[in-house]
Amino acid sequence: MPEPMDKPQFDALLARHGIPLTEAEREGIRAVSGHILAFAERVRTTREVGAEMAVTFDAKGAAR
């Protein structure tokens, strides 16, 4: 299970972007921050051209 961001790092991130949250909201989001960071890393990976659905889908062929 991914570790959440450190509290000082997370608080600095929110302060930098001016996001006002209650302490409960901060801790709730910080608790899942490790999962969010892991997801972002998976999304940013380079994929082959064939993985792009717009390349493989043929609207004219689907209408047949």
C-alpha atoms as a PDB file:
ATOM      1  CA  MET A   1       0.000   0.000   0.000  1.00  0.00           C
ATOM      2  CA  PRO A   2       1.470   3.390  -0.962  1.00  0.00           C
ATOM      3  CA  GLU A   3       2.556   5.638   1.896  1.00  0.00           C
ATOM      4  CA  PRO A   4       0.798   9.023   2.164  1.00  0.00           C
ATOM      5  CA  MET A   5       2.719  12.260   1.713  1.00  0.00           C
ATOM      6  CA  ASP A   6       4.481  13.685   4.766  1.00  0.00           C
ATOM      7  CA  LYS A   7       2.277  16.127   6.656  1.00  0.00           C
ATOM      8  CA  PRO A   8       4.633  19.138   6.218  1.00  0.00           C
ATOM      9  CA  GLN A   9       4.996  18.422   2.496  1.00  0.00           C
ATOM     10  CA  PHE A  10       1.230  18.051   2.075  1.00  0.00           C
ATOM     11  CA  ASP A  11       0.498  21.242   4.044  1.00  0.00           C
ATOM     12  CA  ALA A  12       3.040  23.166   1.943  1.00  0.00           C
ATOM     13  CA  LEU A  13       1.408  21.883  -1.255  1.00  0.00           C
ATOM     14  CA  LEU A  14      -2.036  23.055  -0.126  1.00  0.00           C
ATOM     15  CA  ALA A  15      -0.662  26.417   1.024  1.00  0.00           C
ATOM     16  CA  ARG A  16       1.165  26.945  -2.295  1.00  0.00           C
ATOM     17  CA  HIS A  17      -2.079  26.440  -4.212  1.00  0.00           C
ATOM     18  CA  GLY A  18      -4.250  28.315  -1.705  1.00  0.00           C
ATOM     19  CA  ILE A  19      -6.630  25.448  -1.024  1.00  0.00           C
ATOM     20  CA  PRO A  20      -8.538  26.110   2.222  1.00  0.00           C
ATOM     21  CA  LEU A  21      -9.512  22.842   3.923  1.00  0.00           C
ATOM     22  CA  THR A  22     -10.536  21.854   7.424  1.00  0.00           C
ATOM     23  CA  GLU A  23      -8.161  19.629   9.376  1.00  0.00           C
ATOM     24  CA  ALA A  24     -10.480  16.638   8.818  1.00  0.00           C
ATOM     25  CA  GLU A  25     -10.530  17.265   5.057  1.00  0.00           C
ATOM     26  CA  ARG A  26      -6.735  17.636   5.010  1.00  0.00           C
ATOM     27  CA  GLU A  27      -6.192  14.333   6.781  1.00  0.00           C
ATOM     28  CA  GLY A  28      -8.739  12.541   4.602  1.00  0.00           C
ATOM     29  CA  ILE A  29      -7.055  13.651   1.404  1.00  0.00           C
ATOM     30  CA  ARG A  30      -3.552  13.141   2.801  1.00  0.00           C
ATOM     31  CA  ALA A  31      -4.487   9.568   3.772  1.00  0.00           C
ATOM     32  CA  VAL A  32      -5.121   8.686   0.114  1.00  0.00           C
ATOM     33  CA  SER A  33      -2.352  10.870  -1.334  1.00  0.00           C
ATOM     34  CA  GLY A  34      -0.065   7.857  -1.786  1.00  0.00           C
ATOM     35  CA  HIS A  35      -2.677   6.182  -3.981  1.00  0.00           C
ATOM     36  CA  ILE A  36      -3.176   9.389  -5.975  1.00  0.00           C
ATOM     37  CA  LEU A  37       0.571   9.706  -6.609  1.00  0.00           C
ATOM     38  CA  ALA A  38       0.822   6.030  -7.634  1.00  0.00           C
ATOM     39  CA  PHE A  39      -2.114   6.470 -10.022  1.00  0.00           C
ATOM     40  CA  ALA A  40      -0.523   9.574 -11.550  1.00  0.00           C
ATOM     41  CA  GLU A  41       2.686   7.630 -12.202  1.00  0.00           C
ATOM     42  CA  ARG A  42       0.765   4.854 -13.990  1.00  0.00           C
ATOM     43  CA  VAL A  43      -1.152   7.364 -16.122  1.00  0.00           C
ATOM     44  CA  ARG A  44       2.022   9.155 -17.212  1.00  0.00           C
ATOM     45  CA  THR A  45       3.691   6.048 -18.645  1.00  0.00           C
ATOM     46  CA  THR A  46       4.442   5.950 -22.362  1.00  0.00           C
ATOM     47  CA  ARG A  47       2.175   3.583 -24.268  1.00  0.00           C
ATOM     48  CA  GLU A  48       2.267   2.107 -27.741  1.00  0.00           C
ATOM     49  CA  VAL A  49       0.229   3.762 -30.482  1.00  0.00           C
ATOM     50  CA  GLY A  50      -2.137   0.775 -30.556  1.00  0.00           C
ATOM     51  CA  ALA A  51      -3.170   1.490 -26.958  1.00  0.00           C
ATOM     52  CA  GLU A  52      -4.888   4.676 -28.094  1.00  0.00           C
ATOM     53  CA  MET A  53      -8.527   3.825 -28.783  1.00  0.00           C
ATOM     54  CA  ALA A  54      -8.883   6.574 -31.400  1.00  0.00           C
ATOM     55  CA  VAL A  55      -6.273   4.744 -33.486  1.00  0.00           C
ATOM     56  CA  THR A  56      -7.993   1.356 -33.348  1.00  0.00           C
ATOM     57  CA  PHE A  57     -11.665   2.372 -33.604  1.00  0.00           C
ATOM     58  CA  ASP A  58     -13.186   2.684 -37.051  1.00  0.00           C
ATOM     59  CA  ALA A  59     -16.599   4.366 -36.931  1.00  0.00           C
ATOM     60  CA  LYS A  60     -17.395   3.430 -40.533  1.00  0.00           C
ATOM     61  CA  GLY A  61     -16.589  -0.207 -39.879  1.00  0.00           C
ATOM     62  CA  ALA A  62     -18.755  -0.249 -36.734  1.00  0.00           C
ATOM     63  CA  ALA A  63     -21.826   0.905 -38.679  1.00  0.00           C
ATOM     64  CA  ARG A  64     -21.789  -2.167 -40.931  1.00  0.00           C
END
